[in-house]
Amino acid sequence: HMYTVYVLKSQKDLKLYYGFTKDLENRLSEHNTGQVKATKPRRPFVLIYSENVDTVLEARRKEKYFKSGFGRKYVQNRIKMALSSNG
């Protein structure tokens, strides 16, 4: 089974939220309709980054990494690269 590690940006406070799921589309909908207690007051969210991994263990590790200083830098660099390649 494939897992997706994702980074959301709150349109309300501009802070990032990190998570992982098996169904990204459904999970994003849950965040934006207020079904996720942790993020309810901070909606709406936009998906700014996602990465697929194979196992739940990998997903947990990647999510934890994204929350670290190095991981945040990694995510920011990936976003910059994606934005510059679209231009």
PDB file of N, CA and C in Angstrom:
ATOM      1  N   HIS A   1       0.835  -1.201   0.000  1.00  0.00           N
ATOM      2  CA  HIS A   1       0.000   0.000   0.000  1.00  0.00           C
ATOM      3  C   HIS A   1       0.874   1.256   0.000  1.00  0.00           C
ATOM      4  N   MET A   2       0.434   2.229  -0.756  1.00  0.00           N
ATOM      5  CA  MET A   2       1.173   3.469  -0.868  1.00  0.00           C
ATOM      6  C   MET A   2       0.655   4.490   0.148  1.00  0.00           C
ATOM      7  N   TYR A   3       1.576   5.189   0.775  1.00  0.00           N
ATOM      8  CA  TYR A   3       1.230   6.284   1.682  1.00  0.00           C
ATOM      9  C   TYR A   3       1.733   7.587   1.093  1.00  0.00           C
ATOM     10  N   THR A   4       1.053   8.675   1.406  1.00  0.00           N
ATOM     11  CA  THR A   4       1.483   9.991   0.966  1.00  0.00           C
ATOM     12  C   THR A   4       1.767  10.843   2.193  1.00  0.00           C
ATOM     13  N   VAL A   5       2.984  11.371   2.246  1.00  0.00           N
ATOM     14  CA  VAL A   5       3.348  12.324   3.293  1.00  0.00           C
ATOM     15  C   VAL A   5       3.085  13.693   2.686  1.00  0.00           C
ATOM     16  N   TYR A   6       2.404  14.563   3.434  1.00  0.00           N
ATOM     17  CA  TYR A   6       1.990  15.830   2.832  1.00  0.00           C
ATOM     18  C   TYR A   6       2.269  17.022   3.738  1.00  0.00           C
ATOM     19  N   VAL A   7       2.323  18.188   3.111  1.00  0.00           N
ATOM     20  CA  VAL A   7       2.502  19.444   3.833  1.00  0.00           C
ATOM     21  C   VAL A   7       1.393  20.380   3.380  1.00  0.00           C
ATOM     22  N   LEU A   8       0.629  20.860   4.349  1.00  0.00           N
ATOM     23  CA  LEU A   8      -0.445  21.806   4.066  1.00  0.00           C
ATOM     24  C   LEU A   8      -0.047  23.169   4.598  1.00  0.00           C
ATOM     25  N   LYS A   9      -0.539  24.212   3.956  1.00  0.00           N
ATOM     26  CA  LYS A   9      -0.323  25.559   4.458  1.00  0.00           C
ATOM     27  C   LYS A   9      -1.674  26.158   4.809  1.00  0.00           C
ATOM     28  N   SER A  10      -1.785  26.666   6.035  1.00  0.00           N
ATOM     29  CA  SER A  10      -3.021  27.299   6.472  1.00  0.00           C
ATOM     30  C   SER A  10      -3.156  28.655   5.798  1.00  0.00           C
ATOM     31  N   GLN A  11      -4.299  28.902   5.198  1.00  0.00           N
ATOM     32  CA  GLN A  11      -4.568  30.190   4.573  1.00  0.00           C
ATOM     33  C   GLN A  11      -4.920  31.235   5.630  1.00  0.00           C
ATOM     34  N   LYS A  12      -5.151  30.744   6.853  1.00  0.00           N
ATOM     35  CA  LYS A  12      -5.544  31.629   7.947  1.00  0.00           C
ATOM     36  C   LYS A  12      -4.331  32.200   8.675  1.00  0.00           C
ATOM     37  N   ASP A  13      -3.403  31.313   9.126  1.00  0.00           N
ATOM     38  CA  ASP A  13      -2.237  31.804   9.864  1.00  0.00           C
ATOM     39  C   ASP A  13      -0.918  31.578   9.119  1.00  0.00           C
ATOM     40  N   LEU A  14      -1.016  31.014   7.894  1.00  0.00           N
ATOM     41  CA  LEU A  14       0.138  30.779   7.020  1.00  0.00           C
ATOM     42  C   LEU A  14       1.149  29.778   7.568  1.00  0.00           C
ATOM     43  N   LYS A  15       0.774  29.055   8.631  1.00  0.00           N
ATOM     44  CA  LYS A  15       1.659  28.037   9.186  1.00  0.00           C
ATOM     45  C   LYS A  15       1.483  26.728   8.429  1.00  0.00           C
ATOM     46  N   LEU A  16       2.496  25.858   8.563  1.00  0.00           N
ATOM     47  CA  LEU A  16       2.462  24.575   7.866  1.00  0.00           C
ATOM     48  C   LEU A  16       1.954  23.470   8.783  1.00  0.00           C
ATOM     49  N   TYR A  17       1.326  22.467   8.187  1.00  0.00           N
ATOM     50  CA  TYR A  17       0.876  21.286   8.901  1.00  0.00           C
ATOM     51  C   TYR A  17       1.393  20.076   8.137  1.00  0.00           C
ATOM     52  N   TYR A  18       1.978  19.124   8.851  1.00  0.00           N
ATOM     53  CA  TYR A  18       2.570  17.939   8.236  1.00  0.00           C
ATOM     54  C   TYR A  18       1.758  16.711   8.622  1.00  0.00           C
ATOM     55  N   GLY A  19       1.548  15.816   7.680  1.00  0.00           N
ATOM     56  CA  GLY A  19       0.829  14.593   7.997  1.00  0.00           C
ATOM     57  C   GLY A  19       1.078  13.532   6.942  1.00  0.00           C
ATOM     58  N   PHE A  20       0.460  12.356   7.128  1.00  0.00           N
ATOM     59  CA  PHE A  20       0.519  11.326   6.092  1.00  0.00           C
ATOM     60  C   PHE A  20      -0.802  10.584   6.051  1.00  0.00           C
ATOM     61  N   THR A  21      -1.080   9.992   4.907  1.00  0.00           N
ATOM     62  CA  THR A  21      -2.370   9.346   4.689  1.00  0.00           C
ATOM     63  C   THR A  21      -2.257   8.327   3.569  1.00  0.00           C
ATOM     64  N   LYS A  22      -3.278   7.485   3.453  1.00  0.00           N
ATOM     65  CA  LYS A  22      -3.371   6.555   2.319  1.00  0.00           C
ATOM     66  C   LYS A  22      -4.181   7.180   1.188  1.00  0.00           C
ATOM     67  N   ASP A  23      -5.017   8.163   1.525  1.00  0.00           N
ATOM     68  CA  ASP A  23      -5.912   8.771   0.537  1.00  0.00           C
ATOM     69  C   ASP A  23      -5.826  10.292   0.652  1.00  0.00           C
ATOM     70  N   LEU A  24      -4.922  10.883  -0.114  1.00  0.00           N
ATOM     71  CA  LEU A  24      -4.633  12.304   0.021  1.00  0.00           C
ATOM     72  C   LEU A  24      -5.845  13.184  -0.278  1.00  0.00           C
ATOM     73  N   GLU A  25      -6.559  12.872  -1.333  1.00  0.00           N
ATOM     74  CA  GLU A  25      -7.712  13.689  -1.723  1.00  0.00           C
ATOM     75  C   GLU A  25      -8.754  13.745  -0.605  1.00  0.00           C
ATOM     76  N   ASN A  26      -9.053  12.577  -0.049  1.00  0.00           N
ATOM     77  CA  ASN A  26     -10.013  12.469   1.047  1.00  0.00           C
ATOM     78  C   ASN A  26      -9.506  13.195   2.297  1.00  0.00           C
ATOM     79  N   ARG A  27      -8.216  13.023   2.599  1.00  0.00           N
ATOM     80  CA  ARG A  27      -7.644  13.646   3.799  1.00  0.00           C
ATOM     81  C   ARG A  27      -7.661  15.167   3.697  1.00  0.00           C
ATOM     82  N   LEU A  28      -7.347  15.684   2.519  1.00  0.00           N
ATOM     83  CA  LEU A  28      -7.367  17.127   2.301  1.00  0.00           C
ATOM     84  C   LEU A  28      -8.778  17.673   2.519  1.00  0.00           C
ATOM     85  N   SER A  29      -9.748  16.926   2.019  1.00  0.00           N
ATOM     86  CA  SER A  29     -11.149  17.290   2.206  1.00  0.00           C
ATOM     87  C   SER A  29     -11.518  17.297   3.693  1.00  0.00           C
ATOM     88  N   GLU A  30     -11.046  16.289   4.443  1.00  0.00           N
ATOM     89  CA  GLU A  30     -11.310  16.231   5.889  1.00  0.00           C
ATOM     90  C   GLU A  30     -10.726  17.456   6.600  1.00  0.00           C
ATOM     91  N   HIS A  31      -9.494  17.833   6.218  1.00  0.00           N
ATOM     92  CA  HIS A  31      -8.877  19.019   6.827  1.00  0.00           C
ATOM     93  C   HIS A  31      -9.706  20.265   6.536  1.00  0.00           C
ATOM     94  N   ASN A  32     -10.154  20.407   5.302  1.00  0.00           N
ATOM     95  CA  ASN A  32     -10.832  21.636   4.900  1.00  0.00           C
ATOM     96  C   ASN A  32     -12.294  21.719   5.306  1.00  0.00           C
ATOM     97  N   THR A  33     -12.885  20.577   5.698  1.00  0.00           N
ATOM     98  CA  THR A  33     -14.270  20.614   6.158  1.00  0.00           C
ATOM     99  C   THR A  33     -14.348  20.583   7.692  1.00  0.00           C
ATOM    100  N   GLY A  34     -13.184  20.678   8.352  1.00  0.00           N
ATOM    101  CA  GLY A  34     -13.157  20.774   9.807  1.00  0.00           C
ATOM    102  C   GLY A  34     -13.298  19.462  10.540  1.00  0.00           C
ATOM    103  N   GLN A  35     -13.051  18.344   9.859  1.00  0.00           N
ATOM    104  CA  GLN A  35     -13.184  17.028  10.508  1.00  0.00           C
ATOM    105  C   GLN A  35     -11.929  16.619  11.274  1.00  0.00           C
ATOM    106  N   VAL A  36     -10.848  17.399  11.145  1.00  0.00           N
ATOM    107  CA  VAL A  36      -9.607  17.086  11.847  1.00  0.00           C
ATOM    108  C   VAL A  36      -9.435  18.094  12.980  1.00  0.00           C
ATOM    109  N   LYS A  37      -9.567  17.595  14.215  1.00  0.00           N
ATOM    110  CA  LYS A  37      -9.560  18.464  15.394  1.00  0.00           C
ATOM    111  C   LYS A  37      -8.327  19.371  15.453  1.00  0.00           C
ATOM    112  N   ALA A  38      -7.155  18.798  15.134  1.00  0.00           N
ATOM    113  CA  ALA A  38      -5.890  19.537  15.246  1.00  0.00           C
ATOM    114  C   ALA A  38      -5.826  20.749  14.313  1.00  0.00           C
ATOM    115  N   THR A  39      -6.518  20.660  13.177  1.00  0.00           N
ATOM    116  CA  THR A  39      -6.374  21.739  12.191  1.00  0.00           C
ATOM    117  C   THR A  39      -7.650  22.554  11.987  1.00  0.00           C
ATOM    118  N   LYS A  40      -8.728  22.160  12.639  1.00  0.00           N
ATOM    119  CA  LYS A  40     -10.032  22.807  12.418  1.00  0.00           C
ATOM    120  C   LYS A  40      -9.984  24.338  12.503  1.00  0.00           C
ATOM    121  N   PRO A  41      -9.367  24.922  13.555  1.00  0.00           N
ATOM    122  CA  PRO A  41      -9.382  26.387  13.658  1.00  0.00           C
ATOM    123  C   PRO A  41      -8.484  27.097  12.638  1.00  0.00           C
ATOM    124  N   ARG A  42      -7.662  26.339  11.907  1.00  0.00           N
ATOM    125  CA  ARG A  42      -6.684  26.955  11.014  1.00  0.00           C
ATOM    126  C   ARG A  42      -7.037  26.838   9.537  1.00  0.00           C
ATOM    127  N   ARG A  43      -8.231  26.302   9.243  1.00  0.00           N
ATOM    128  CA  ARG A  43      -8.581  26.135   7.832  1.00  0.00           C
ATOM    129  C   ARG A  43      -8.978  27.462   7.197  1.00  0.00           C
ATOM    130  N   PRO A  44      -8.983  27.569   5.878  1.00  0.00           N
ATOM    131  CA  PRO A  44      -8.725  26.520   4.873  1.00  0.00           C
ATOM    132  C   PRO A  44      -7.229  26.277   4.643  1.00  0.00           C
ATOM    133  N   PHE A  45      -6.947  25.115   4.063  1.00  0.00           N
ATOM    134  CA  PHE A  45      -5.582  24.699   3.765  1.00  0.00           C
ATOM    135  C   PHE A  45      -5.373  24.515   2.276  1.00  0.00           C
ATOM    136  N   VAL A  46      -4.137  24.747   1.858  1.00  0.00           N
ATOM    137  CA  VAL A  46      -3.745  24.360   0.500  1.00  0.00           C
ATOM    138  C   VAL A  46      -2.597  23.363   0.621  1.00  0.00           C
ATOM    139  N   LEU A  47      -2.607  22.374  -0.262  1.00  0.00           N
ATOM    140  CA  LEU A  47      -1.535  21.390  -0.311  1.00  0.00           C
ATOM    141  C   LEU A  47      -0.340  22.048  -0.984  1.00  0.00           C
ATOM    142  N   ILE A  48       0.801  22.080  -0.281  1.00  0.00           N
ATOM    143  CA  ILE A  48       1.971  22.701  -0.905  1.00  0.00           C
ATOM    144  C   ILE A  48       3.052  21.695  -1.256  1.00  0.00           C
ATOM    145  N   TYR A  49       2.971  20.476  -0.692  1.00  0.00           N
ATOM    146  CA  TYR A  49       3.978  19.472  -1.021  1.00  0.00           C
ATOM    147  C   TYR A  49       3.463  18.094  -0.645  1.00  0.00           C
ATOM    148  N   SER A  50       3.797  17.094  -1.449  1.00  0.00           N
ATOM    149  CA  SER A  50       3.487  15.713  -1.083  1.00  0.00           C
ATOM    150  C   SER A  50       4.519  14.780  -1.691  1.00  0.00           C
ATOM    151  N   GLU A  51       4.694  13.655  -1.032  1.00  0.00           N
ATOM    152  CA  GLU A  51       5.677  12.663  -1.466  1.00  0.00           C
ATOM    153  C   GLU A  51       5.138  11.276  -1.133  1.00  0.00           C
ATOM    154  N   ASN A  52       5.246  10.347  -2.082  1.00  0.00           N
ATOM    155  CA  ASN A  52       4.750   8.989  -1.858  1.00  0.00           C
ATOM    156  C   ASN A  52       5.837   8.087  -1.290  1.00  0.00           C
ATOM    157  N   VAL A  53       5.445   7.253  -0.337  1.00  0.00           N
ATOM    158  CA  VAL A  53       6.338   6.250   0.244  1.00  0.00           C
ATOM    159  C   VAL A  53       5.587   4.924   0.311  1.00  0.00           C
ATOM    160  N   ASP A  54       6.337   3.833   0.544  1.00  0.00           N
ATOM    161  CA  ASP A  54       5.733   2.503   0.460  1.00  0.00           C
ATOM    162  C   ASP A  54       5.128   1.970   1.752  1.00  0.00           C
ATOM    163  N   THR A  55       5.684   2.360   2.896  1.00  0.00           N
ATOM    164  CA  THR A  55       5.228   1.763   4.155  1.00  0.00           C
ATOM    165  C   THR A  55       4.818   2.838   5.161  1.00  0.00           C
ATOM    166  N   VAL A  56       4.031   2.426   6.136  1.00  0.00           N
ATOM    167  CA  VAL A  56       3.590   3.354   7.175  1.00  0.00           C
ATOM    168  C   VAL A  56       4.788   3.801   8.018  1.00  0.00           C
ATOM    169  N   LEU A  57       5.760   2.904   8.185  1.00  0.00           N
ATOM    170  CA  LEU A  57       6.971   3.244   8.928  1.00  0.00           C
ATOM    171  C   LEU A  57       7.738   4.367   8.222  1.00  0.00           C
ATOM    172  N   GLU A  58       7.888   4.212   6.913  1.00  0.00           N
ATOM    173  CA  GLU A  58       8.548   5.233   6.094  1.00  0.00           C
ATOM    174  C   GLU A  58       7.786   6.560   6.173  1.00  0.00           C
ATOM    175  N   ALA A  59       6.465   6.481   6.138  1.00  0.00           N
ATOM    176  CA  ALA A  59       5.625   7.679   6.200  1.00  0.00           C
ATOM    177  C   ALA A  59       5.826   8.404   7.527  1.00  0.00           C
ATOM    178  N   ARG A  60       5.844   7.651   8.627  1.00  0.00           N
ATOM    179  CA  ARG A  60       6.058   8.251   9.951  1.00  0.00           C
ATOM    180  C   ARG A  60       7.424   8.919  10.041  1.00  0.00           C
ATOM    181  N   ARG A  61       8.442   8.217   9.521  1.00  0.00           N
ATOM    182  CA  ARG A  61       9.808   8.761   9.541  1.00  0.00           C
ATOM    183  C   ARG A  61       9.902  10.043   8.736  1.00  0.00           C
ATOM    184  N   LYS A  62       9.301  10.024   7.553  1.00  0.00           N
ATOM    185  CA  LYS A  62       9.354  11.177   6.653  1.00  0.00           C
ATOM    186  C   LYS A  62       8.607  12.366   7.261  1.00  0.00           C
ATOM    187  N   GLU A  63       7.452  12.098   7.866  1.00  0.00           N
ATOM    188  CA  GLU A  63       6.682  13.161   8.514  1.00  0.00           C
ATOM    189  C   GLU A  63       7.512  13.791   9.640  1.00  0.00           C
ATOM    190  N   LYS A  64       8.158  12.954  10.436  1.00  0.00           N
ATOM    191  CA  LYS A  64       8.989  13.430  11.543  1.00  0.00           C
ATOM    192  C   LYS A  64      10.159  14.251  10.998  1.00  0.00           C
ATOM    193  N   TYR A  65      10.754  13.775   9.910  1.00  0.00           N
ATOM    194  CA  TYR A  65      11.867  14.486   9.281  1.00  0.00           C
ATOM    195  C   TYR A  65      11.416  15.862   8.778  1.00  0.00           C
ATOM    196  N   PHE A  66      10.252  15.891   8.119  1.00  0.00           N
ATOM    197  CA  PHE A  66       9.726  17.156   7.593  1.00  0.00           C
ATOM    198  C   PHE A  66       9.541  18.185   8.712  1.00  0.00           C
ATOM    199  N   LYS A  67       9.242  17.710   9.918  1.00  0.00           N
ATOM    200  CA  LYS A  67       9.006  18.620  11.048  1.00  0.00           C
ATOM    201  C   LYS A  67      10.310  19.122  11.666  1.00  0.00           C
ATOM    202  N   SER A  68      11.437  18.479  11.315  1.00  0.00           N
ATOM    203  CA  SER A  68      12.733  18.881  11.858  1.00  0.00           C
ATOM    204  C   SER A  68      13.267  20.076  11.066  1.00  0.00           C
ATOM    205  N   GLY A  69      14.284  20.720  11.585  1.00  0.00           N
ATOM    206  CA  GLY A  69      14.885  21.864  10.900  1.00  0.00           C
ATOM    207  C   GLY A  69      15.372  21.520   9.505  1.00  0.00           C
ATOM    208  N   PHE A  70      16.109  20.397   9.385  1.00  0.00           N
ATOM    209  CA  PHE A  70      16.622  19.991   8.078  1.00  0.00           C
ATOM    210  C   PHE A  70      15.489  19.625   7.134  1.00  0.00           C
ATOM    211  N   GLY A  71      14.493  18.953   7.682  1.00  0.00           N
ATOM    212  CA  GLY A  71      13.350  18.538   6.871  1.00  0.00           C
ATOM    213  C   GLY A  71      12.562  19.720   6.342  1.00  0.00           C
ATOM    214  N   ARG A  72      12.396  20.750   7.164  1.00  0.00           N
ATOM    215  CA  ARG A  72      11.698  21.958   6.721  1.00  0.00           C
ATOM    216  C   ARG A  72      12.432  22.614   5.559  1.00  0.00           C
ATOM    217  N   LYS A  73      13.761  22.666   5.685  1.00  0.00           N
ATOM    218  CA  LYS A  73      14.584  23.237   4.610  1.00  0.00           C
ATOM    219  C   LYS A  73      14.434  22.408   3.332  1.00  0.00           C
ATOM    220  N   TYR A  74      14.431  21.082   3.499  1.00  0.00           N
ATOM    221  CA  TYR A  74      14.278  20.168   2.371  1.00  0.00           C
ATOM    222  C   TYR A  74      12.957  20.444   1.645  1.00  0.00           C
ATOM    223  N   VAL A  75      11.868  20.547   2.425  1.00  0.00           N
ATOM    224  CA  VAL A  75      10.543  20.801   1.844  1.00  0.00           C
ATOM    225  C   VAL A  75      10.536  22.152   1.124  1.00  0.00           C
ATOM    226  N   GLN A  76      11.092  23.190   1.767  1.00  0.00           N
ATOM    227  CA  GLN A  76      11.126  24.516   1.141  1.00  0.00           C
ATOM    228  C   GLN A  76      11.904  24.486  -0.170  1.00  0.00           C
ATOM    229  N   ASN A  77      13.021  23.756  -0.189  1.00  0.00           N
ATOM    230  CA  ASN A  77      13.811  23.646  -1.413  1.00  0.00           C
ATOM    231  C   ASN A  77      13.054  22.913  -2.512  1.00  0.00           C
ATOM    232  N   ARG A  78      12.335  21.845  -2.136  1.00  0.00           N
ATOM    233  CA  ARG A  78      11.549  21.083  -3.120  1.00  0.00           C
ATOM    234  C   ARG A  78      10.455  21.971  -3.719  1.00  0.00           C
ATOM    235  N   ILE A  79       9.820  22.788  -2.881  1.00  0.00           N
ATOM    236  CA  ILE A  79       8.758  23.686  -3.344  1.00  0.00           C
ATOM    237  C   ILE A  79       9.350  24.721  -4.298  1.00  0.00           C
ATOM    238  N   LYS A  80      10.486  25.312  -3.914  1.00  0.00           N
ATOM    239  CA  LYS A  80      11.154  26.287  -4.782  1.00  0.00           C
ATOM    240  C   LYS A  80      11.513  25.679  -6.123  1.00  0.00           C
ATOM    241  N   MET A  81      12.042  24.445  -6.100  1.00  0.00           N
ATOM    242  CA  MET A  81      12.414  23.768  -7.337  1.00  0.00           C
ATOM    243  C   MET A  81      11.183  23.538  -8.212  1.00  0.00           C
ATOM    244  N   ALA A  82      10.093  23.124  -7.591  1.00  0.00           N
ATOM    245  CA  ALA A  82       8.848  22.857  -8.332  1.00  0.00           C
ATOM    246  C   ALA A  82       8.321  24.153  -8.946  1.00  0.00           C
ATOM    247  N   LEU A  83       8.368  25.249  -8.179  1.00  0.00           N
ATOM    248  CA  LEU A  83       7.882  26.529  -8.672  1.00  0.00           C
ATOM    249  C   LEU A  83       8.738  27.044  -9.823  1.00  0.00           C
ATOM    250  N   SER A  84      10.068  26.890  -9.696  1.00  0.00           N
ATOM    251  CA  SER A  84      10.941  27.395 -10.745  1.00  0.00           C
ATOM    252  C   SER A  84      10.856  26.560 -12.016  1.00  0.00           C
ATOM    253  N   SER A  85      10.555  25.268 -11.880  1.00  0.00           N
ATOM    254  CA  SER A  85      10.461  24.423 -13.080  1.00  0.00           C
ATOM    255  C   SER A  85       9.117  24.636 -13.799  1.00  0.00           C
ATOM    256  N   ASN A  86       8.125  25.170 -13.071  1.00  0.00           N
ATOM    257  CA  ASN A  86       6.825  25.473 -13.694  1.00  0.00           C
ATOM    258  C   ASN A  86       6.878  26.783 -14.473  1.00  0.00           C
ATOM    259  N   GLY A  87       7.798  27.695 -14.090  1.00  0.00           N
ATOM    260  CA  GLY A  87       7.881  28.995 -14.699  1.00  0.00           C
ATOM    261  C   GLY A  87       8.496  28.897 -16.060  1.00  0.00           C
TER     262      GLY A  87
END
